[in-house]
Amino acid sequence: MLQAGNKVGVLTDFGYSKIIYNRYETNSEECSFRLIRNDRKRALRANWWSPDGKDREII
C-alpha cells in the first residue's frame, strides 16, 4: 500500500492504482482487496495482478 497524506493506493509488481482511496480491506484467501472511497457508495475490488482495476468487479 502507498500513502500520500490521508489517501491510499496500491503498488504491486504487476501495476498500481491511483492514490485516491480513503481505506482498504484485504482478503488473503482470494489475493484480493477492496479500495474504498468515502464519496462513493461502492468499493473497487481489485487483486494483486490487477491493482488498477482493469479486470475489476464493482461491489
PDB file of N, CA and C in Angstrom:
ATOM      1  N   MET A   1       0.832  -1.172   0.000  1.00  0.00           N
ATOM      2  CA  MET A   1       0.000   0.000   0.000  1.00  0.00           C
ATOM      3  C   MET A   1       0.883   1.243   0.000  1.00  0.00           C
ATOM      4  N   LEU A   2       0.428   2.237  -0.692  1.00  0.00           N
ATOM      5  CA  LEU A   2       1.085   3.543  -0.720  1.00  0.00           C
ATOM      6  C   LEU A   2       0.189   4.537  -0.001  1.00  0.00           C
ATOM      7  N   GLN A   3       0.801   5.505   0.630  1.00  0.00           N
ATOM      8  CA  GLN A   3       0.013   6.524   1.311  1.00  0.00           C
ATOM      9  C   GLN A   3       0.583   7.894   0.994  1.00  0.00           C
ATOM     10  N   ALA A   4      -0.310   8.831   0.685  1.00  0.00           N
ATOM     11  CA  ALA A   4       0.043  10.229   0.472  1.00  0.00           C
ATOM     12  C   ALA A   4      -0.969  11.061   1.241  1.00  0.00           C
ATOM     13  N   GLY A   5      -0.532  11.662   2.315  1.00  0.00           N
ATOM     14  CA  GLY A   5      -1.467  12.379   3.182  1.00  0.00           C
ATOM     15  C   GLY A   5      -2.411  11.388   3.818  1.00  0.00           C
ATOM     16  N   ASN A   6      -3.714  11.595   3.634  1.00  0.00           N
ATOM     17  CA  ASN A   6      -4.687  10.660   4.204  1.00  0.00           C
ATOM     18  C   ASN A   6      -5.309   9.751   3.151  1.00  0.00           C
ATOM     19  N   LYS A   7      -4.708   9.642   1.988  1.00  0.00           N
ATOM     20  CA  LYS A   7      -5.203   8.788   0.900  1.00  0.00           C
ATOM     21  C   LYS A   7      -4.263   7.604   0.716  1.00  0.00           C
ATOM     22  N   VAL A   8      -4.829   6.475   0.217  1.00  0.00           N
ATOM     23  CA  VAL A   8      -4.032   5.275  -0.023  1.00  0.00           C
ATOM     24  C   VAL A   8      -4.219   4.791  -1.451  1.00  0.00           C
ATOM     25  N   GLY A   9      -3.250   4.018  -1.906  1.00  0.00           N
ATOM     26  CA  GLY A   9      -3.282   3.365  -3.203  1.00  0.00           C
ATOM     27  C   GLY A   9      -2.514   2.062  -3.099  1.00  0.00           C
ATOM     28  N   VAL A  10      -2.365   1.369  -4.225  1.00  0.00           N
ATOM     29  CA  VAL A  10      -1.720   0.068  -4.249  1.00  0.00           C
ATOM     30  C   VAL A  10      -0.614   0.064  -5.292  1.00  0.00           C
ATOM     31  N   LEU A  11       0.510  -0.532  -4.950  1.00  0.00           N
ATOM     32  CA  LEU A  11       1.615  -0.735  -5.883  1.00  0.00           C
ATOM     33  C   LEU A  11       2.039  -2.195  -5.765  1.00  0.00           C
ATOM     34  N   THR A  12       2.019  -2.927  -6.878  1.00  0.00           N
ATOM     35  CA  THR A  12       2.479  -4.317  -6.900  1.00  0.00           C
ATOM     36  C   THR A  12       3.480  -4.480  -8.032  1.00  0.00           C
ATOM     37  N   ASP A  13       4.015  -5.673  -8.171  1.00  0.00           N
ATOM     38  CA  ASP A  13       4.913  -5.971  -9.285  1.00  0.00           C
ATOM     39  C   ASP A  13       4.198  -5.913 -10.622  1.00  0.00           C
ATOM     40  N   PHE A  14       2.875  -5.940 -10.616  1.00  0.00           N
ATOM     41  CA  PHE A  14       2.086  -6.026 -11.824  1.00  0.00           C
ATOM     42  C   PHE A  14       1.367  -4.738 -12.196  1.00  0.00           C
ATOM     43  N   GLY A  15       1.463  -3.696 -11.371  1.00  0.00           N
ATOM     44  CA  GLY A  15       0.802  -2.445 -11.675  1.00  0.00           C
ATOM     45  C   GLY A  15       0.533  -1.624 -10.431  1.00  0.00           C
ATOM     46  N   TYR A  16      -0.293  -0.607 -10.586  1.00  0.00           N
ATOM     47  CA  TYR A  16      -0.587   0.293  -9.479  1.00  0.00           C
ATOM     48  C   TYR A  16      -1.968   0.907  -9.657  1.00  0.00           C
ATOM     49  N   SER A  17      -2.480   1.476  -8.589  1.00  0.00           N
ATOM     50  CA  SER A  17      -3.727   2.227  -8.641  1.00  0.00           C
ATOM     51  C   SER A  17      -3.416   3.682  -8.315  1.00  0.00           C
ATOM     52  N   LYS A  18      -4.376   4.540  -8.533  1.00  0.00           N
ATOM     53  CA  LYS A  18      -4.224   5.928  -8.121  1.00  0.00           C
ATOM     54  C   LYS A  18      -4.279   6.006  -6.597  1.00  0.00           C
ATOM     55  N   ILE A  19      -3.669   6.997  -6.033  1.00  0.00           N
ATOM     56  CA  ILE A  19      -3.682   7.192  -4.579  1.00  0.00           C
ATOM     57  C   ILE A  19      -4.827   8.154  -4.254  1.00  0.00           C
ATOM     58  N   ILE A  20      -6.049   7.623  -4.335  1.00  0.00           N
ATOM     59  CA  ILE A  20      -7.250   8.449  -4.155  1.00  0.00           C
ATOM     60  C   ILE A  20      -8.235   7.814  -3.178  1.00  0.00           C
ATOM     61  N   TYR A  21      -7.877   6.713  -2.553  1.00  0.00           N
ATOM     62  CA  TYR A  21      -8.804   5.967  -1.716  1.00  0.00           C
ATOM     63  C   TYR A  21      -8.610   6.310  -0.245  1.00  0.00           C
ATOM     64  N   ASN A  22      -9.684   6.215   0.524  1.00  0.00           N
ATOM     65  CA  ASN A  22      -9.633   6.546   1.945  1.00  0.00           C
ATOM     66  C   ASN A  22      -9.176   5.380   2.807  1.00  0.00           C
ATOM     67  N   ARG A  23      -9.502   4.166   2.389  1.00  0.00           N
ATOM     68  CA  ARG A  23      -9.082   2.994   3.159  1.00  0.00           C
ATOM     69  C   ARG A  23      -9.153   1.759   2.277  1.00  0.00           C
ATOM     70  N   TYR A  24      -8.715   0.647   2.820  1.00  0.00           N
ATOM     71  CA  TYR A  24      -8.744  -0.607   2.078  1.00  0.00           C
ATOM     72  C   TYR A  24      -9.028  -1.764   3.026  1.00  0.00           C
ATOM     73  N   GLU A  25      -9.518  -2.856   2.460  1.00  0.00           N
ATOM     74  CA  GLU A  25      -9.750  -4.095   3.191  1.00  0.00           C
ATOM     75  C   GLU A  25      -9.128  -5.207   2.364  1.00  0.00           C
ATOM     76  N   THR A  26      -8.488  -6.175   3.012  1.00  0.00           N
ATOM     77  CA  THR A  26      -7.823  -7.249   2.289  1.00  0.00           C
ATOM     78  C   THR A  26      -8.562  -8.577   2.457  1.00  0.00           C
ATOM     79  N   ASN A  27      -8.368  -9.447   1.478  1.00  0.00           N
ATOM     80  CA  ASN A  27      -8.880 -10.809   1.523  1.00  0.00           C
ATOM     81  C   ASN A  27      -7.729 -11.714   1.102  1.00  0.00           C
ATOM     82  N   SER A  28      -7.029 -12.292   2.059  1.00  0.00           N
ATOM     83  CA  SER A  28      -5.844 -13.084   1.754  1.00  0.00           C
ATOM     84  C   SER A  28      -6.177 -14.416   1.091  1.00  0.00           C
ATOM     85  N   GLU A  29      -7.381 -14.938   1.294  1.00  0.00           N
ATOM     86  CA  GLU A  29      -7.763 -16.201   0.654  1.00  0.00           C
ATOM     87  C   GLU A  29      -7.869 -16.057  -0.861  1.00  0.00           C
ATOM     88  N   GLU A  30      -8.347 -14.927  -1.330  1.00  0.00           N
ATOM     89  CA  GLU A  30      -8.526 -14.695  -2.766  1.00  0.00           C
ATOM     90  C   GLU A  30      -7.451 -13.783  -3.357  1.00  0.00           C
ATOM     91  N   CYS A  31      -6.469 -13.403  -2.559  1.00  0.00           N
ATOM     92  CA  CYS A  31      -5.421 -12.458  -3.003  1.00  0.00           C
ATOM     93  C   CYS A  31      -6.056 -11.202  -3.594  1.00  0.00           C
ATOM     94  N   SER A  32      -7.084 -10.689  -2.929  1.00  0.00           N
ATOM     95  CA  SER A  32      -7.772  -9.512  -3.429  1.00  0.00           C
ATOM     96  C   SER A  32      -7.890  -8.474  -2.328  1.00  0.00           C
ATOM     97  N   PHE A  33      -8.304  -7.295  -2.715  1.00  0.00           N
ATOM     98  CA  PHE A  33      -8.517  -6.217  -1.763  1.00  0.00           C
ATOM     99  C   PHE A  33      -9.606  -5.312  -2.293  1.00  0.00           C
ATOM    100  N   ARG A  34     -10.196  -4.543  -1.391  1.00  0.00           N
ATOM    101  CA  ARG A  34     -11.204  -3.550  -1.728  1.00  0.00           C
ATOM    102  C   ARG A  34     -10.619  -2.184  -1.445  1.00  0.00           C
ATOM    103  N   LEU A  35     -10.702  -1.301  -2.406  1.00  0.00           N
ATOM    104  CA  LEU A  35     -10.272   0.085  -2.237  1.00  0.00           C
ATOM    105  C   LEU A  35     -11.530   0.918  -2.049  1.00  0.00           C
ATOM    106  N   ILE A  36     -11.598   1.643  -0.946  1.00  0.00           N
ATOM    107  CA  ILE A  36     -12.827   2.315  -0.547  1.00  0.00           C
ATOM    108  C   ILE A  36     -12.636   3.827  -0.516  1.00  0.00           C
ATOM    109  N   ARG A  37     -13.543   4.519  -1.195  1.00  0.00           N
ATOM    110  CA  ARG A  37     -13.578   5.986  -1.158  1.00  0.00           C
ATOM    111  C   ARG A  37     -14.816   6.406  -0.391  1.00  0.00           C
ATOM    112  N   ASN A  38     -14.687   7.369   0.475  1.00  0.00           N
ATOM    113  CA  ASN A  38     -15.819   7.825   1.289  1.00  0.00           C
ATOM    114  C   ASN A  38     -16.900   8.513   0.460  1.00  0.00           C
ATOM    115  N   ASP A  39     -16.540   9.044  -0.708  1.00  0.00           N
ATOM    116  CA  ASP A  39     -17.510   9.766  -1.530  1.00  0.00           C
ATOM    117  C   ASP A  39     -18.233   8.857  -2.528  1.00  0.00           C
ATOM    118  N   ARG A  40     -18.015   7.563  -2.463  1.00  0.00           N
ATOM    119  CA  ARG A  40     -18.664   6.609  -3.368  1.00  0.00           C
ATOM    120  C   ARG A  40     -19.460   5.581  -2.573  1.00  0.00           C
ATOM    121  N   LYS A  41     -20.528   5.076  -3.158  1.00  0.00           N
ATOM    122  CA  LYS A  41     -21.323   4.050  -2.486  1.00  0.00           C
ATOM    123  C   LYS A  41     -20.698   2.669  -2.608  1.00  0.00           C
ATOM    124  N   ARG A  42     -19.957   2.435  -3.680  1.00  0.00           N
ATOM    125  CA  ARG A  42     -19.393   1.121  -3.938  1.00  0.00           C
ATOM    126  C   ARG A  42     -17.874   1.153  -3.844  1.00  0.00           C
ATOM    127  N   ALA A  43     -17.315   0.018  -3.467  1.00  0.00           N
ATOM    128  CA  ALA A  43     -15.869  -0.122  -3.379  1.00  0.00           C
ATOM    129  C   ALA A  43     -15.350  -0.744  -4.673  1.00  0.00           C
ATOM    130  N   LEU A  44     -14.093  -0.514  -4.959  1.00  0.00           N
ATOM    131  CA  LEU A  44     -13.427  -1.130  -6.101  1.00  0.00           C
ATOM    132  C   LEU A  44     -12.743  -2.395  -5.610  1.00  0.00           C
ATOM    133  N   ARG A  45     -13.138  -3.545  -6.137  1.00  0.00           N
ATOM    134  CA  ARG A  45     -12.467  -4.796  -5.789  1.00  0.00           C
ATOM    135  C   ARG A  45     -11.397  -5.050  -6.839  1.00  0.00           C
ATOM    136  N   ALA A  46     -10.182  -5.189  -6.397  1.00  0.00           N
ATOM    137  CA  ALA A  46      -9.063  -5.434  -7.283  1.00  0.00           C
ATOM    138  C   ALA A  46      -8.277  -6.609  -6.737  1.00  0.00           C
ATOM    139  N   ASN A  47      -7.236  -7.020  -7.450  1.00  0.00           N
ATOM    140  CA  ASN A  47      -6.407  -8.104  -6.948  1.00  0.00           C
ATOM    141  C   ASN A  47      -4.936  -7.792  -7.191  1.00  0.00           C
ATOM    142  N   TRP A  48      -4.092  -8.655  -6.682  1.00  0.00           N
ATOM    143  CA  TRP A  48      -2.646  -8.471  -6.764  1.00  0.00           C
ATOM    144  C   TRP A  48      -2.189  -8.287  -8.202  1.00  0.00           C
ATOM    145  N   TRP A  49      -2.820  -8.998  -9.142  1.00  0.00           N
ATOM    146  CA  TRP A  49      -2.402  -8.980 -10.534  1.00  0.00           C
ATOM    147  C   TRP A  49      -3.023  -7.830 -11.314  1.00  0.00           C
ATOM    148  N   SER A  50      -4.027  -7.195 -10.793  1.00  0.00           N
ATOM    149  CA  SER A  50      -4.682  -6.091 -11.484  1.00  0.00           C
ATOM    150  C   SER A  50      -5.096  -5.002 -10.496  1.00  0.00           C
ATOM    151  N   PRO A  51      -4.127  -4.337  -9.859  1.00  0.00           N
ATOM    152  CA  PRO A  51      -4.461  -3.333  -8.846  1.00  0.00           C
ATOM    153  C   PRO A  51      -5.091  -2.057  -9.409  1.00  0.00           C
ATOM    154  N   ASP A  52      -4.980  -1.832 -10.706  1.00  0.00           N
ATOM    155  CA  ASP A  52      -5.593  -0.640 -11.288  1.00  0.00           C
ATOM    156  C   ASP A  52      -7.070  -0.837 -11.610  1.00  0.00           C
ATOM    157  N   GLY A  53      -7.562  -2.053 -11.416  1.00  0.00           N
ATOM    158  CA  GLY A  53      -8.978  -2.327 -11.611  1.00  0.00           C
ATOM    159  C   GLY A  53      -9.390  -2.635 -13.040  1.00  0.00           C
ATOM    160  N   LYS A  54      -8.445  -2.896 -13.962  1.00  0.00           N
ATOM    161  CA  LYS A  54      -8.830  -3.194 -15.347  1.00  0.00           C
ATOM    162  C   LYS A  54      -9.670  -4.455 -15.433  1.00  0.00           C
ATOM    163  N   ASP A  55      -9.371  -5.452 -14.631  1.00  0.00           N
ATOM    164  CA  ASP A  55     -10.189  -6.656 -14.552  1.00  0.00           C
ATOM    165  C   ASP A  55     -10.992  -6.577 -13.265  1.00  0.00           C
ATOM    166  N   ARG A  56     -11.655  -5.477 -13.055  1.00  0.00           N
ATOM    167  CA  ARG A  56     -12.253  -5.210 -11.754  1.00  0.00           C
ATOM    168  C   ARG A  56     -13.696  -5.653 -11.670  1.00  0.00           C
ATOM    169  N   GLU A  57     -14.116  -5.735 -10.472  1.00  0.00           N
ATOM    170  CA  GLU A  57     -15.504  -6.030 -10.162  1.00  0.00           C
ATOM    171  C   GLU A  57     -15.958  -4.982  -9.150  1.00  0.00           C
ATOM    172  N   ILE A  58     -16.983  -4.243  -9.493  1.00  0.00           N
ATOM    173  CA  ILE A  58     -17.521  -3.235  -8.586  1.00  0.00           C
ATOM    174  C   ILE A  58     -18.509  -3.932  -7.669  1.00  0.00           C
ATOM    175  N   ILE A  59     -18.320  -3.781  -6.350  1.00  0.00           N
ATOM    176  CA  ILE A  59     -19.213  -4.446  -5.400  1.00  0.00           C
ATOM    177  C   ILE A  59     -19.896  -3.424  -4.517  1.00  0.00           C
TER     178      ILE A  59
END
